[in-house]
Amino acid sequence: MEDSRLALIEAFEADTASQHLVRNVPVVSPATTAGEARDGIIGKRFESAVDVAVVREGRLEGLIRIEDLLAAEPGRRCAEIMDGNPPVVAPGIDQEQAAWKAVHQAQGSVAVVDSTG
């Protein structure tokens, strides 16, 4: 299934959000504490670490700006510090529309997700 989704994303035309997609990003669960999240990313290399994806059962629940994660008390849950309404676009959306959405919501990145979340 993952291969078919990957092939679908790669088939989209140039100038779409999928052309700027990075897959290797920090991912945590909503129950993860800020301290655990920070410990989990130290010493690892990511394509992008501007935001941390908060995921439950394979679905995006929110994003945490790295600045907010670094400033959070170690015991705070990621669900408490995430943006539960981050800018989200589908893989085939025009890149300018995706950029507008990020700017409109004052975010440095946009989550590109398919219909399964």
N, C-alpha and C. Protein backbone atom coordinates (compact mmCIF):
# COMPACT_ATOMS: atom_id res chain seq x y z
N MET A 1 0.83 -1.19 0.00
CA MET A 1 0.00 0.00 0.00
C MET A 1 0.87 1.26 0.00
N GLU A 2 1.92 1.25 0.80
CA GLU A 2 2.80 2.42 0.87
C GLU A 2 3.42 2.70 -0.50
N ASP A 3 3.80 1.64 -1.24
CA ASP A 3 4.39 1.84 -2.56
C ASP A 3 3.41 2.48 -3.53
N SER A 4 2.14 2.09 -3.46
CA SER A 4 1.15 2.68 -4.37
C SER A 4 0.90 4.14 -4.03
N ARG A 5 0.90 4.49 -2.75
CA ARG A 5 0.74 5.89 -2.36
C ARG A 5 1.94 6.70 -2.81
N LEU A 6 3.13 6.14 -2.67
CA LEU A 6 4.35 6.83 -3.08
C LEU A 6 4.33 7.05 -4.59
N ALA A 7 3.93 6.05 -5.35
CA ALA A 7 3.86 6.19 -6.80
C ALA A 7 2.85 7.26 -7.20
N LEU A 8 1.74 7.32 -6.49
CA LEU A 8 0.73 8.33 -6.78
C LEU A 8 1.29 9.73 -6.53
N ILE A 9 1.97 9.92 -5.43
CA ILE A 9 2.56 11.22 -5.12
C ILE A 9 3.58 11.60 -6.17
N GLU A 10 4.43 10.67 -6.58
CA GLU A 10 5.46 10.96 -7.56
C GLU A 10 4.89 11.26 -8.94
N ALA A 11 3.66 10.84 -9.19
CA ALA A 11 3.04 11.04 -10.50
C ALA A 11 2.46 12.45 -10.67
N PHE A 12 2.31 13.20 -9.59
CA PHE A 12 1.74 14.54 -9.72
C PHE A 12 2.65 15.43 -10.55
N GLU A 13 2.04 16.42 -11.19
CA GLU A 13 2.77 17.35 -12.06
C GLU A 13 3.72 18.23 -11.26
N ALA A 14 4.66 18.82 -12.00
CA ALA A 14 5.56 19.79 -11.39
C ALA A 14 4.75 20.98 -10.92
N ASP A 15 5.31 21.77 -10.05
CA ASP A 15 4.68 22.97 -9.49
C ASP A 15 3.55 22.64 -8.51
N THR A 16 3.54 21.45 -7.96
CA THR A 16 2.56 21.12 -6.94
C THR A 16 3.26 20.99 -5.59
N ALA A 17 2.46 20.97 -4.55
CA ALA A 17 3.01 20.83 -3.19
C ALA A 17 3.80 19.54 -3.04
N SER A 18 3.42 18.50 -3.76
CA SER A 18 4.12 17.22 -3.62
C SER A 18 5.58 17.31 -4.08
N GLN A 19 5.91 18.27 -4.92
CA GLN A 19 7.29 18.43 -5.39
C GLN A 19 8.21 18.91 -4.26
N HIS A 20 7.63 19.46 -3.20
CA HIS A 20 8.40 19.99 -2.08
C HIS A 20 8.26 19.13 -0.83
N LEU A 21 7.65 17.98 -1.01
CA LEU A 21 7.35 17.08 0.09
C LEU A 21 8.62 16.49 0.70
N VAL A 22 8.71 16.51 2.01
CA VAL A 22 9.77 15.79 2.73
C VAL A 22 9.09 14.78 3.64
N ARG A 23 9.64 13.60 3.71
CA ARG A 23 9.03 12.53 4.49
C ARG A 23 9.74 12.30 5.82
N ASN A 24 11.03 12.58 5.86
CA ASN A 24 11.81 12.30 7.05
C ASN A 24 11.76 13.51 7.99
N VAL A 25 10.71 13.54 8.81
CA VAL A 25 10.50 14.63 9.77
C VAL A 25 10.29 14.00 11.15
N PRO A 26 10.52 14.77 12.22
CA PRO A 26 10.24 14.23 13.54
C PRO A 26 8.75 13.97 13.72
N VAL A 27 8.42 12.83 14.30
CA VAL A 27 7.03 12.44 14.53
C VAL A 27 6.88 11.97 15.97
N VAL A 28 5.84 12.46 16.64
CA VAL A 28 5.54 12.05 18.01
C VAL A 28 4.05 11.74 18.12
N SER A 29 3.68 11.13 19.22
CA SER A 29 2.26 10.90 19.50
C SER A 29 1.75 12.04 20.38
N PRO A 30 0.45 12.24 20.46
CA PRO A 30 -0.08 13.30 21.32
C PRO A 30 0.28 13.12 22.79
N ALA A 31 0.47 11.89 23.23
CA ALA A 31 0.77 11.61 24.64
C ALA A 31 2.25 11.79 24.99
N THR A 32 3.09 11.90 23.98
CA THR A 32 4.53 12.10 24.21
C THR A 32 4.74 13.42 24.94
N THR A 33 5.65 13.42 25.91
CA THR A 33 5.95 14.68 26.59
C THR A 33 6.97 15.47 25.78
N ALA A 34 7.04 16.77 26.06
CA ALA A 34 8.01 17.62 25.37
C ALA A 34 9.43 17.12 25.63
N GLY A 35 9.70 16.70 26.85
CA GLY A 35 11.03 16.17 27.18
C GLY A 35 11.35 14.91 26.39
N GLU A 36 10.39 14.01 26.28
CA GLU A 36 10.58 12.79 25.49
C GLU A 36 10.78 13.12 24.02
N ALA A 37 10.00 14.08 23.51
CA ALA A 37 10.11 14.47 22.10
C ALA A 37 11.49 15.05 21.82
N ARG A 38 11.97 15.93 22.71
CA ARG A 38 13.31 16.51 22.51
C ARG A 38 14.37 15.42 22.56
N ASP A 39 14.27 14.52 23.54
CA ASP A 39 15.25 13.43 23.65
C ASP A 39 15.23 12.56 22.40
N GLY A 40 14.04 12.39 21.82
CA GLY A 40 13.88 11.53 20.65
C GLY A 40 14.45 12.09 19.36
N ILE A 41 14.65 13.41 19.31
CA ILE A 41 15.18 13.99 18.07
C ILE A 41 16.67 14.31 18.15
N ILE A 42 17.20 14.37 19.36
CA ILE A 42 18.63 14.67 19.50
C ILE A 42 19.45 13.55 18.88
N GLY A 43 20.42 13.93 18.08
CA GLY A 43 21.33 12.97 17.45
C GLY A 43 20.79 12.34 16.18
N LYS A 44 19.61 12.74 15.75
CA LYS A 44 19.03 12.21 14.51
C LYS A 44 19.04 13.28 13.44
N ARG A 45 19.13 12.86 12.19
CA ARG A 45 19.12 13.78 11.06
C ARG A 45 17.77 13.66 10.34
N PHE A 46 17.18 14.82 10.03
CA PHE A 46 15.88 14.88 9.35
C PHE A 46 16.02 15.73 8.09
N GLU A 47 15.13 15.49 7.13
CA GLU A 47 15.09 16.36 5.95
C GLU A 47 14.64 17.75 6.35
N SER A 48 13.76 17.81 7.34
CA SER A 48 13.29 19.08 7.88
C SER A 48 12.88 18.86 9.33
N ALA A 49 13.24 19.81 10.18
CA ALA A 49 12.84 19.76 11.59
C ALA A 49 12.24 21.09 12.01
N VAL A 50 11.65 21.81 11.06
CA VAL A 50 10.98 23.08 11.35
C VAL A 50 9.79 22.82 12.27
N ASP A 51 9.07 21.74 12.00
CA ASP A 51 7.92 21.34 12.79
C ASP A 51 8.04 19.87 13.15
N VAL A 52 7.36 19.50 14.22
CA VAL A 52 7.26 18.10 14.63
C VAL A 52 5.81 17.67 14.36
N ALA A 53 5.64 16.58 13.63
CA ALA A 53 4.30 16.09 13.34
C ALA A 53 3.77 15.31 14.54
N VAL A 54 2.55 15.60 14.93
CA VAL A 54 1.88 14.87 16.00
C VAL A 54 0.88 13.93 15.32
N VAL A 55 1.12 12.63 15.46
CA VAL A 55 0.36 11.63 14.71
C VAL A 55 -0.21 10.59 15.66
N ARG A 56 -1.48 10.25 15.42
CA ARG A 56 -2.13 9.16 16.17
C ARG A 56 -2.72 8.18 15.15
N GLU A 57 -2.33 6.92 15.27
CA GLU A 57 -2.84 5.87 14.39
C GLU A 57 -2.70 6.23 12.91
N GLY A 58 -1.57 6.82 12.55
CA GLY A 58 -1.28 7.12 11.16
C GLY A 58 -1.92 8.39 10.62
N ARG A 59 -2.63 9.13 11.46
CA ARG A 59 -3.31 10.36 11.02
C ARG A 59 -2.69 11.57 11.70
N LEU A 60 -2.48 12.62 10.93
CA LEU A 60 -1.93 13.85 11.47
C LEU A 60 -2.96 14.52 12.38
N GLU A 61 -2.54 14.80 13.61
CA GLU A 61 -3.41 15.52 14.55
C GLU A 61 -3.00 16.96 14.72
N GLY A 62 -1.72 17.26 14.44
CA GLY A 62 -1.26 18.63 14.59
C GLY A 62 0.23 18.74 14.33
N LEU A 63 0.71 19.97 14.43
CA LEU A 63 2.14 20.26 14.26
C LEU A 63 2.61 21.08 15.46
N ILE A 64 3.86 20.85 15.83
CA ILE A 64 4.50 21.65 16.88
C ILE A 64 5.69 22.35 16.25
N ARG A 65 5.70 23.69 16.32
CA ARG A 65 6.88 24.41 15.86
C ARG A 65 8.05 24.02 16.75
N ILE A 66 9.21 23.84 16.17
CA ILE A 66 10.38 23.42 16.94
C ILE A 66 10.67 24.42 18.06
N GLU A 67 10.42 25.69 17.80
CA GLU A 67 10.64 26.72 18.84
C GLU A 67 9.74 26.48 20.04
N ASP A 68 8.50 26.06 19.80
CA ASP A 68 7.56 25.80 20.89
C ASP A 68 7.96 24.54 21.65
N LEU A 69 8.43 23.53 20.93
CA LEU A 69 8.87 22.30 21.59
C LEU A 69 10.07 22.57 22.49
N LEU A 70 11.02 23.34 21.99
CA LEU A 70 12.22 23.63 22.79
C LEU A 70 11.90 24.46 24.03
N ALA A 71 10.88 25.30 23.95
CA ALA A 71 10.53 26.17 25.07
C ALA A 71 9.57 25.52 26.08
N ALA A 72 8.97 24.40 25.72
CA ALA A 72 7.95 23.78 26.56
C ALA A 72 8.55 23.12 27.80
N GLU A 73 7.79 23.10 28.88
CA GLU A 73 8.18 22.38 30.09
C GLU A 73 8.31 20.90 29.74
N PRO A 74 9.30 20.20 30.27
CA PRO A 74 9.54 18.81 29.89
C PRO A 74 8.35 17.87 30.06
N GLY A 75 7.49 18.13 31.04
CA GLY A 75 6.37 17.23 31.31
C GLY A 75 5.10 17.52 30.53
N ARG A 76 5.08 18.60 29.77
CA ARG A 76 3.88 18.92 28.99
C ARG A 76 3.69 17.94 27.85
N ARG A 77 2.48 17.51 27.63
CA ARG A 77 2.16 16.58 26.54
C ARG A 77 2.16 17.33 25.21
N CYS A 78 2.57 16.64 24.18
CA CYS A 78 2.60 17.26 22.84
C CYS A 78 1.22 17.71 22.41
N ALA A 79 0.17 17.01 22.84
CA ALA A 79 -1.20 17.41 22.51
C ALA A 79 -1.51 18.80 23.05
N GLU A 80 -0.85 19.21 24.13
CA GLU A 80 -1.10 20.50 24.75
C GLU A 80 -0.39 21.64 24.01
N ILE A 81 0.71 21.34 23.34
CA ILE A 81 1.50 22.41 22.71
C ILE A 81 1.39 22.43 21.19
N MET A 82 0.71 21.44 20.63
CA MET A 82 0.61 21.40 19.16
C MET A 82 -0.42 22.39 18.65
N ASP A 83 -0.28 22.75 17.40
CA ASP A 83 -1.31 23.48 16.68
C ASP A 83 -2.24 22.41 16.12
N GLY A 84 -3.43 22.31 16.67
CA GLY A 84 -4.38 21.29 16.24
C GLY A 84 -5.09 21.62 14.94
N ASN A 85 -4.81 22.78 14.39
CA ASN A 85 -5.39 23.19 13.12
C ASN A 85 -4.29 23.74 12.20
N PRO A 86 -3.30 22.90 11.90
CA PRO A 86 -2.19 23.39 11.07
C PRO A 86 -2.60 23.52 9.62
N PRO A 87 -1.83 24.27 8.84
CA PRO A 87 -2.13 24.32 7.41
C PRO A 87 -1.88 22.95 6.78
N VAL A 88 -2.88 22.43 6.10
CA VAL A 88 -2.82 21.11 5.48
C VAL A 88 -3.29 21.23 4.04
N VAL A 89 -2.58 20.58 3.13
CA VAL A 89 -2.98 20.55 1.73
C VAL A 89 -2.85 19.14 1.18
N ALA A 90 -3.51 18.88 0.08
CA ALA A 90 -3.40 17.60 -0.62
C ALA A 90 -2.16 17.62 -1.51
N PRO A 91 -1.61 16.47 -1.83
CA PRO A 91 -0.38 16.42 -2.63
C PRO A 91 -0.46 17.13 -3.97
N GLY A 92 -1.59 17.15 -4.64
CA GLY A 92 -1.68 17.73 -5.97
C GLY A 92 -1.98 19.21 -6.02
N ILE A 93 -2.10 19.87 -4.88
CA ILE A 93 -2.43 21.29 -4.88
C ILE A 93 -1.26 22.11 -5.44
N ASP A 94 -1.58 23.19 -6.10
CA ASP A 94 -0.56 24.06 -6.67
C ASP A 94 0.34 24.60 -5.55
N GLN A 95 1.64 24.67 -5.82
CA GLN A 95 2.59 25.10 -4.80
C GLN A 95 2.33 26.52 -4.30
N GLU A 96 1.84 27.40 -5.15
CA GLU A 96 1.53 28.77 -4.72
C GLU A 96 0.36 28.78 -3.74
N GLN A 97 -0.63 27.92 -3.97
CA GLN A 97 -1.75 27.82 -3.03
C GLN A 97 -1.28 27.28 -1.69
N ALA A 98 -0.38 26.33 -1.72
CA ALA A 98 0.17 25.78 -0.48
C ALA A 98 0.95 26.84 0.28
N ALA A 99 1.76 27.62 -0.43
CA ALA A 99 2.54 28.69 0.21
C ALA A 99 1.61 29.75 0.79
N TRP A 100 0.55 30.10 0.06
CA TRP A 100 -0.42 31.07 0.57
C TRP A 100 -1.03 30.58 1.87
N LYS A 101 -1.36 29.30 1.92
CA LYS A 101 -1.97 28.75 3.12
C LYS A 101 -1.03 28.86 4.31
N ALA A 102 0.25 28.60 4.10
CA ALA A 102 1.23 28.73 5.18
C ALA A 102 1.33 30.17 5.65
N VAL A 103 1.41 31.09 4.72
CA VAL A 103 1.52 32.51 5.06
C VAL A 103 0.26 32.99 5.77
N HIS A 104 -0.89 32.58 5.24
CA HIS A 104 -2.17 32.98 5.82
C HIS A 104 -2.30 32.53 7.27
N GLN A 105 -1.75 31.37 7.60
CA GLN A 105 -1.82 30.86 8.96
C GLN A 105 -0.54 31.15 9.75
N ALA A 106 0.33 31.99 9.19
CA ALA A 106 1.58 32.38 9.86
C ALA A 106 2.41 31.18 10.29
N GLN A 107 2.57 30.23 9.37
CA GLN A 107 3.35 29.03 9.64
C GLN A 107 4.54 28.94 8.70
N GLY A 108 5.57 28.24 9.13
CA GLY A 108 6.75 28.06 8.30
C GLY A 108 6.67 26.85 7.39
N SER A 109 5.66 26.01 7.60
CA SER A 109 5.52 24.83 6.76
C SER A 109 4.05 24.47 6.62
N VAL A 110 3.79 23.56 5.68
CA VAL A 110 2.45 23.07 5.42
C VAL A 110 2.53 21.55 5.41
N ALA A 111 1.58 20.91 6.07
CA ALA A 111 1.53 19.46 6.03
C ALA A 111 0.87 19.02 4.73
N VAL A 112 1.51 18.14 4.00
CA VAL A 112 0.95 17.58 2.78
C VAL A 112 0.46 16.18 3.11
N VAL A 113 -0.86 16.01 3.11
CA VAL A 113 -1.44 14.72 3.48
C VAL A 113 -2.43 14.25 2.43
N ASP A 114 -2.54 12.95 2.32
CA ASP A 114 -3.52 12.38 1.38
C ASP A 114 -4.86 12.21 2.08
N SER A 115 -5.79 11.57 1.43
CA SER A 115 -7.16 11.44 1.96
C SER A 115 -7.22 10.60 3.23
N THR A 116 -6.19 9.81 3.52
CA THR A 116 -6.19 9.00 4.73
C THR A 116 -5.60 9.73 5.92
N GLY A 117 -5.13 10.96 5.70
CA GLY A 117 -4.63 11.78 6.78
C GLY A 117 -3.16 11.69 6.98
